[in-house]
Amino acid sequence: MDKSKISFPSNYFAESSNTIATLSKQEEKINRIVNGIFDTLQSNGKLLIAGNGGSCADAEHFAGELVCTYKNPKRYGFPAVSLSSNSASLTAWGNDFGFETHFERQVESLGQQNDVLFLISTGGGDIEKGLSVNLIKAANKGIEKKLKIFSLIGKSGGELEKISDEYIKVKSNVTSHIQEAHIAIIHYICESLDNLGSN
């Protein structure tokens, strides 16, 4: 293959960087989420994390960083569960009852008052359009069980913007750039929790 003929998006990295740079304007909101998560963990609560597709991968990544370590191997482990990680549960429930209610069932089974339900969605969900309905149902179950609902969203913000206790909305309509900003936020949260968990 003649690599000189490959055409790259000329502005991709600049657009991605600019999207991530806008997050500095939301640092206060992000820090509220950091403190909310840390308060929950200090009170023997846990984090339940969910997303779909690329956001599912981010949820797995986030849970892994918290349970293991981000940078500081000396800090204690944080209890965090990715709600997509139990494939037997996901496929059994999805097959018998439908995928839309699997996260809701996980929250019903695992969630306790004052836990944090951390949802990741590029669009924020829309019941009428059938978008990320599983996350909206999970959030509503979390509200019913008195969990704190924190969300990373983008685009219009969707339903999660309306029902979350705290949310960070990335100012972009480009799914890939929203996802890149979301992982930057997740890493910021991990670094902050590493520092707090070492004190």
C-alpha atoms as a PDB file:
ATOM      1  CA  MET A   1       0.000   0.000   0.000  1.00  0.00           C
ATOM      2  CA  ASP A   2       1.240   3.466  -0.880  1.00  0.00           C
ATOM      3  CA  LYS A   3       0.784   5.325   2.420  1.00  0.00           C
ATOM      4  CA  SER A   4       1.366   8.651   0.713  1.00  0.00           C
ATOM      5  CA  LYS A   5      -2.117   8.259  -0.779  1.00  0.00           C
ATOM      6  CA  ILE A   6      -3.836   7.962   2.622  1.00  0.00           C
ATOM      7  CA  SER A   7      -5.922  11.037   3.296  1.00  0.00           C
ATOM      8  CA  PHE A   8      -6.216  12.089   6.955  1.00  0.00           C
ATOM      9  CA  PRO A   9      -8.856  14.478   8.356  1.00  0.00           C
ATOM     10  CA  SER A  10      -6.827  17.667   8.349  1.00  0.00           C
ATOM     11  CA  ASN A  11      -8.464  19.252  11.399  1.00  0.00           C
ATOM     12  CA  TYR A  12      -9.280  16.156  13.463  1.00  0.00           C
ATOM     13  CA  PHE A  13      -6.682  16.570  16.188  1.00  0.00           C
ATOM     14  CA  ALA A  14      -7.246  20.314  16.447  1.00  0.00           C
ATOM     15  CA  GLU A  15     -11.004  19.812  16.810  1.00  0.00           C
ATOM     16  CA  SER A  16     -10.493  17.094  19.410  1.00  0.00           C
ATOM     17  CA  SER A  17      -8.046  19.245  21.371  1.00  0.00           C
ATOM     18  CA  ASN A  18     -10.385  22.228  21.247  1.00  0.00           C
ATOM     19  CA  THR A  19     -13.262  20.119  22.564  1.00  0.00           C
ATOM     20  CA  ILE A  20     -11.177  18.843  25.475  1.00  0.00           C
ATOM     21  CA  ALA A  21      -9.903  22.368  26.183  1.00  0.00           C
ATOM     22  CA  THR A  22     -13.466  23.585  26.802  1.00  0.00           C
ATOM     23  CA  LEU A  23     -13.611  21.319  29.864  1.00  0.00           C
ATOM     24  CA  SER A  24     -11.492  23.763  31.852  1.00  0.00           C
ATOM     25  CA  LYS A  25     -14.590  25.968  32.027  1.00  0.00           C
ATOM     26  CA  GLN A  26     -16.411  23.162  33.857  1.00  0.00           C
ATOM     27  CA  GLU A  27     -13.686  22.380  36.379  1.00  0.00           C
ATOM     28  CA  GLU A  28     -15.872  23.440  39.310  1.00  0.00           C
ATOM     29  CA  LYS A  29     -18.622  21.018  38.245  1.00  0.00           C
ATOM     30  CA  ILE A  30     -16.121  18.222  37.692  1.00  0.00           C
ATOM     31  CA  ASN A  31     -14.683  18.831  41.157  1.00  0.00           C
ATOM     32  CA  ARG A  32     -18.175  18.571  42.646  1.00  0.00           C
ATOM     33  CA  ILE A  33     -18.433  15.136  41.064  1.00  0.00           C
ATOM     34  CA  VAL A  34     -14.975  14.187  42.394  1.00  0.00           C
ATOM     35  CA  ASN A  35     -15.949  15.263  45.910  1.00  0.00           C
ATOM     36  CA  GLY A  36     -19.327  13.531  45.639  1.00  0.00           C
ATOM     37  CA  ILE A  37     -17.680  10.270  44.621  1.00  0.00           C
ATOM     38  CA  PHE A  38     -15.051  10.555  47.357  1.00  0.00           C
ATOM     39  CA  ASP A  39     -17.668  11.301  50.026  1.00  0.00           C
ATOM     40  CA  THR A  40     -19.568   8.197  48.930  1.00  0.00           C
ATOM     41  CA  LEU A  41     -16.446   6.041  49.050  1.00  0.00           C
ATOM     42  CA  GLN A  42     -15.530   7.434  52.477  1.00  0.00           C
ATOM     43  CA  SER A  43     -18.989   6.431  53.690  1.00  0.00           C
ATOM     44  CA  ASN A  44     -18.515   2.817  52.530  1.00  0.00           C
ATOM     45  CA  GLY A  45     -20.588   3.391  49.422  1.00  0.00           C
ATOM     46  CA  LYS A  46     -19.660   2.296  45.918  1.00  0.00           C
ATOM     47  CA  LEU A  47     -19.731   3.386  42.312  1.00  0.00           C
ATOM     48  CA  LEU A  48     -21.968   1.703  39.738  1.00  0.00           C
ATOM     49  CA  ILE A  49     -20.920   2.667  36.216  1.00  0.00           C
ATOM     50  CA  ALA A  50     -22.695   2.110  32.890  1.00  0.00           C
ATOM     51  CA  GLY A  51     -22.602   3.108  29.248  1.00  0.00           C
ATOM     52  CA  ASN A  52     -23.253   1.678  25.779  1.00  0.00           C
ATOM     53  CA  GLY A  53     -20.754   0.948  23.013  1.00  0.00           C
ATOM     54  CA  GLY A  54     -17.670   3.122  23.369  1.00  0.00           C
ATOM     55  CA  SER A  55     -19.110   4.489  26.587  1.00  0.00           C
ATOM     56  CA  CYS A  56     -19.394   0.906  27.860  1.00  0.00           C
ATOM     57  CA  ALA A  57     -15.654   0.559  27.243  1.00  0.00           C
ATOM     58  CA  ASP A  58     -15.124   3.812  29.150  1.00  0.00           C
ATOM     59  CA  ALA A  59     -17.204   2.439  32.035  1.00  0.00           C
ATOM     60  CA  GLU A  60     -15.039  -0.692  32.160  1.00  0.00           C
ATOM     61  CA  HIS A  61     -11.904   1.456  31.980  1.00  0.00           C
ATOM     62  CA  PHE A  62     -13.101   3.738  34.792  1.00  0.00           C
ATOM     63  CA  ALA A  63     -14.012   0.836  37.084  1.00  0.00           C
ATOM     64  CA  GLY A  64     -10.661  -0.808  36.424  1.00  0.00           C
ATOM     65  CA  GLU A  65      -8.720   2.331  37.301  1.00  0.00           C
ATOM     66  CA  LEU A  66     -10.613   2.738  40.583  1.00  0.00           C
ATOM     67  CA  VAL A  67     -10.468  -0.867  41.764  1.00  0.00           C
ATOM     68  CA  CYS A  68      -6.801  -1.251  40.826  1.00  0.00           C
ATOM     69  CA  THR A  69      -4.882   2.003  40.681  1.00  0.00           C
ATOM     70  CA  TYR A  70      -4.522   4.970  38.398  1.00  0.00           C
ATOM     71  CA  LYS A  71      -1.037   6.301  39.194  1.00  0.00           C
ATOM     72  CA  ASN A  72      -0.525   5.746  42.881  1.00  0.00           C
ATOM     73  CA  PRO A  73      -0.110   2.039  43.749  1.00  0.00           C
ATOM     74  CA  LYS A  74      -0.122   2.838  47.476  1.00  0.00           C
ATOM     75  CA  ARG A  75      -3.637   4.194  47.687  1.00  0.00           C
ATOM     76  CA  TYR A  76      -6.405   1.857  48.825  1.00  0.00           C
ATOM     77  CA  GLY A  77      -8.763   0.331  46.305  1.00  0.00           C
ATOM     78  CA  PHE A  78     -12.100   1.950  45.539  1.00  0.00           C
ATOM     79  CA  PRO A  79     -15.245  -0.201  45.125  1.00  0.00           C
ATOM     80  CA  ALA A  80     -16.489   0.312  41.574  1.00  0.00           C
ATOM     81  CA  VAL A  81     -18.577  -1.959  39.362  1.00  0.00           C
ATOM     82  CA  SER A  82     -19.143  -1.717  35.623  1.00  0.00           C
ATOM     83  CA  LEU A  83     -22.735  -2.856  35.092  1.00  0.00           C
ATOM     84  CA  SER A  84     -21.875  -4.490  31.763  1.00  0.00           C
ATOM     85  CA  SER A  85     -19.088  -6.684  33.158  1.00  0.00           C
ATOM     86  CA  ASN A  86     -21.231  -9.708  34.093  1.00  0.00           C
ATOM     87  CA  SER A  87     -21.851 -11.234  30.669  1.00  0.00           C
ATOM     88  CA  ALA A  88     -23.924 -14.121  32.049  1.00  0.00           C
ATOM     89  CA  SER A  89     -26.275 -11.693  33.771  1.00  0.00           C
ATOM     90  CA  LEU A  90     -26.432  -9.377  30.759  1.00  0.00           C
ATOM     91  CA  THR A  91     -27.214 -12.121  28.262  1.00  0.00           C
ATOM     92  CA  ALA A  92     -29.649 -13.982  30.534  1.00  0.00           C
ATOM     93  CA  TRP A  93     -31.651 -10.875  31.350  1.00  0.00           C
ATOM     94  CA  GLY A  94     -31.419  -9.487  27.825  1.00  0.00           C
ATOM     95  CA  ASN A  95     -32.590 -12.775  26.333  1.00  0.00           C
ATOM     96  CA  ASP A  96     -35.458 -13.310  28.764  1.00  0.00           C
ATOM     97  CA  PHE A  97     -36.651  -9.783  29.508  1.00  0.00           C
ATOM     98  CA  GLY A  98     -34.967  -7.329  27.139  1.00  0.00           C
ATOM     99  CA  PHE A  99     -31.779  -5.319  27.004  1.00  0.00           C
ATOM    100  CA  GLU A 100     -33.499  -2.039  27.897  1.00  0.00           C
ATOM    101  CA  THR A 101     -34.008  -3.080  31.515  1.00  0.00           C
ATOM    102  CA  HIS A 102     -30.726  -4.866  32.245  1.00  0.00           C
ATOM    103  CA  PHE A 103     -28.955  -1.879  33.832  1.00  0.00           C
ATOM    104  CA  GLU A 104     -32.129  -1.064  35.753  1.00  0.00           C
ATOM    105  CA  ARG A 105     -32.078  -4.613  37.155  1.00  0.00           C
ATOM    106  CA  GLN A 106     -28.412  -4.234  38.090  1.00  0.00           C
ATOM    107  CA  VAL A 107     -29.168  -1.030  39.992  1.00  0.00           C
ATOM    108  CA  GLU A 108     -32.076  -2.759  41.722  1.00  0.00           C
ATOM    109  CA  SER A 109     -29.812  -5.662  42.715  1.00  0.00           C
ATOM    110  CA  LEU A 110     -26.608  -3.818  43.636  1.00  0.00           C
ATOM    111  CA  GLY A 111     -27.528  -0.223  44.415  1.00  0.00           C
ATOM    112  CA  GLN A 112     -27.870   1.072  47.961  1.00  0.00           C
ATOM    113  CA  GLN A 113     -28.844   4.470  49.274  1.00  0.00           C
ATOM    114  CA  ASN A 114     -26.083   7.074  48.738  1.00  0.00           C
ATOM    115  CA  ASP A 115     -24.145   4.928  46.246  1.00  0.00           C
ATOM    116  CA  VAL A 116     -23.228   6.753  43.034  1.00  0.00           C
ATOM    117  CA  LEU A 117     -24.650   5.701  39.685  1.00  0.00           C
ATOM    118  CA  PHE A 118     -22.234   7.084  37.090  1.00  0.00           C
ATOM    119  CA  LEU A 119     -23.661   7.092  33.558  1.00  0.00           C
ATOM    120  CA  ILE A 120     -21.758   7.787  30.339  1.00  0.00           C
ATOM    121  CA  SER A 121     -23.637   8.695  27.164  1.00  0.00           C
ATOM    122  CA  THR A 122     -22.655  10.840  24.187  1.00  0.00           C
ATOM    123  CA  GLY A 123     -26.259  11.926  23.625  1.00  0.00           C
ATOM    124  CA  GLY A 124     -27.845  11.627  27.060  1.00  0.00           C
ATOM    125  CA  GLY A 125     -30.696   9.356  25.995  1.00  0.00           C
ATOM    126  CA  ASP A 126     -34.141   9.912  24.517  1.00  0.00           C
ATOM    127  CA  ILE A 127     -37.109   7.681  25.388  1.00  0.00           C
ATOM    128  CA  GLU A 128     -39.203   8.710  22.372  1.00  0.00           C
ATOM    129  CA  LYS A 129     -36.370   8.044  19.915  1.00  0.00           C
ATOM    130  CA  GLY A 130     -35.314   4.847  21.682  1.00  0.00           C
ATOM    131  CA  LEU A 131     -31.815   6.141  22.438  1.00  0.00           C
ATOM    132  CA  SER A 132     -29.962   4.869  25.535  1.00  0.00           C
ATOM    133  CA  VAL A 133     -33.272   3.934  27.111  1.00  0.00           C
ATOM    134  CA  ASN A 134     -31.421   1.439  29.321  1.00  0.00           C
ATOM    135  CA  LEU A 135     -29.438   4.266  30.926  1.00  0.00           C
ATOM    136  CA  ILE A 136     -32.535   6.376  31.544  1.00  0.00           C
ATOM    137  CA  LYS A 137     -34.297   3.427  33.174  1.00  0.00           C
ATOM    138  CA  ALA A 138     -31.223   2.762  35.307  1.00  0.00           C
ATOM    139  CA  ALA A 139     -31.146   6.419  36.377  1.00  0.00           C
ATOM    140  CA  ASN A 140     -34.826   6.366  37.324  1.00  0.00           C
ATOM    141  CA  LYS A 141     -34.303   3.204  39.374  1.00  0.00           C
ATOM    142  CA  GLY A 142     -31.323   4.882  41.018  1.00  0.00           C
ATOM    143  CA  ILE A 143     -33.417   7.919  41.899  1.00  0.00           C
ATOM    144  CA  GLU A 144     -36.059   5.608  43.372  1.00  0.00           C
ATOM    145  CA  LYS A 145     -33.392   3.932  45.520  1.00  0.00           C
ATOM    146  CA  LYS A 146     -31.839   7.289  46.532  1.00  0.00           C
ATOM    147  CA  LEU A 147     -28.562   6.863  44.691  1.00  0.00           C
ATOM    148  CA  LYS A 148     -26.668   9.939  43.515  1.00  0.00           C
ATOM    149  CA  ILE A 149     -26.827  10.199  39.716  1.00  0.00           C
ATOM    150  CA  PHE A 150     -23.732  11.603  37.970  1.00  0.00           C
ATOM    151  CA  SER A 151     -23.535  11.700  34.167  1.00  0.00           C
ATOM    152  CA  LEU A 152     -21.089  12.450  31.389  1.00  0.00           C
ATOM    153  CA  ILE A 153     -23.037  13.545  28.318  1.00  0.00           C
ATOM    154  CA  GLY A 154     -22.752  15.558  25.097  1.00  0.00           C
ATOM    155  CA  LYS A 155     -24.813  16.891  22.196  1.00  0.00           C
ATOM    156  CA  SER A 156     -28.218  18.117  23.469  1.00  0.00           C
ATOM    157  CA  GLY A 157     -27.757  16.478  26.888  1.00  0.00           C
ATOM    158  CA  GLY A 158     -30.852  14.345  26.469  1.00  0.00           C
ATOM    159  CA  GLU A 159     -32.875  12.997  29.368  1.00  0.00           C
ATOM    160  CA  LEU A 160     -29.843  12.456  31.604  1.00  0.00           C
ATOM    161  CA  GLU A 161     -29.214  16.193  31.752  1.00  0.00           C
ATOM    162  CA  LYS A 162     -32.685  16.637  33.231  1.00  0.00           C
ATOM    163  CA  ILE A 163     -32.568  13.900  35.861  1.00  0.00           C
ATOM    164  CA  SER A 164     -28.930  13.759  37.000  1.00  0.00           C
ATOM    165  CA  ASP A 165     -27.798  15.297  40.289  1.00  0.00           C
ATOM    166  CA  GLU A 166     -24.586  16.391  38.565  1.00  0.00           C
ATOM    167  CA  TYR A 167     -23.584  16.194  34.903  1.00  0.00           C
ATOM    168  CA  ILE A 168     -20.815  17.331  32.608  1.00  0.00           C
ATOM    169  CA  LYS A 169     -22.011  18.127  29.086  1.00  0.00           C
ATOM    170  CA  VAL A 170     -19.277  18.231  26.478  1.00  0.00           C
ATOM    171  CA  LYS A 171     -19.893  21.073  24.044  1.00  0.00           C
ATOM    172  CA  SER A 172     -19.782  19.064  20.815  1.00  0.00           C
ATOM    173  CA  ASN A 173     -22.072  17.185  18.466  1.00  0.00           C
ATOM    174  CA  VAL A 174     -19.292  14.894  17.228  1.00  0.00           C
ATOM    175  CA  THR A 175     -19.519  11.519  18.946  1.00  0.00           C
ATOM    176  CA  SER A 176     -15.799  10.735  18.757  1.00  0.00           C
ATOM    177  CA  HIS A 177     -14.776  14.098  20.219  1.00  0.00           C
ATOM    178  CA  ILE A 178     -17.324  13.718  23.021  1.00  0.00           C
ATOM    179  CA  GLN A 179     -15.874  10.301  23.846  1.00  0.00           C
ATOM    180  CA  GLU A 180     -12.340  11.714  23.839  1.00  0.00           C
ATOM    181  CA  ALA A 181     -13.440  14.443  26.230  1.00  0.00           C
ATOM    182  CA  HIS A 182     -15.219  11.898  28.437  1.00  0.00           C
ATOM    183  CA  ILE A 183     -12.068   9.837  28.897  1.00  0.00           C
ATOM    184  CA  ALA A 184     -10.157  13.022  29.731  1.00  0.00           C
ATOM    185  CA  ILE A 185     -12.739  13.757  32.457  1.00  0.00           C
ATOM    186  CA  ILE A 186     -12.496  10.184  33.734  1.00  0.00           C
ATOM    187  CA  HIS A 187      -8.717  10.455  33.976  1.00  0.00           C
ATOM    188  CA  TYR A 188      -9.050  13.781  35.797  1.00  0.00           C
ATOM    189  CA  ILE A 189     -11.428  12.153  38.293  1.00  0.00           C
ATOM    190  CA  CYS A 190      -9.064   9.198  38.747  1.00  0.00           C
ATOM    191  CA  GLU A 191      -6.083  11.446  39.375  1.00  0.00           C
ATOM    192  CA  SER A 192      -8.046  13.516  41.873  1.00  0.00           C
ATOM    193  CA  LEU A 193      -9.267  10.401  43.707  1.00  0.00           C
ATOM    194  CA  ASP A 194      -5.725   9.000  43.714  1.00  0.00           C
ATOM    195  CA  ASN A 195      -4.593  12.132  45.525  1.00  0.00           C
ATOM    196  CA  LEU A 196      -7.517  12.125  47.964  1.00  0.00           C
ATOM    197  CA  GLY A 197      -7.167   8.402  48.634  1.00  0.00           C
ATOM    198  CA  SER A 198      -3.507   8.786  49.535  1.00  0.00           C
ATOM    199  CA  ASN A 199      -4.081  11.265  52.345  1.00  0.00           C
END
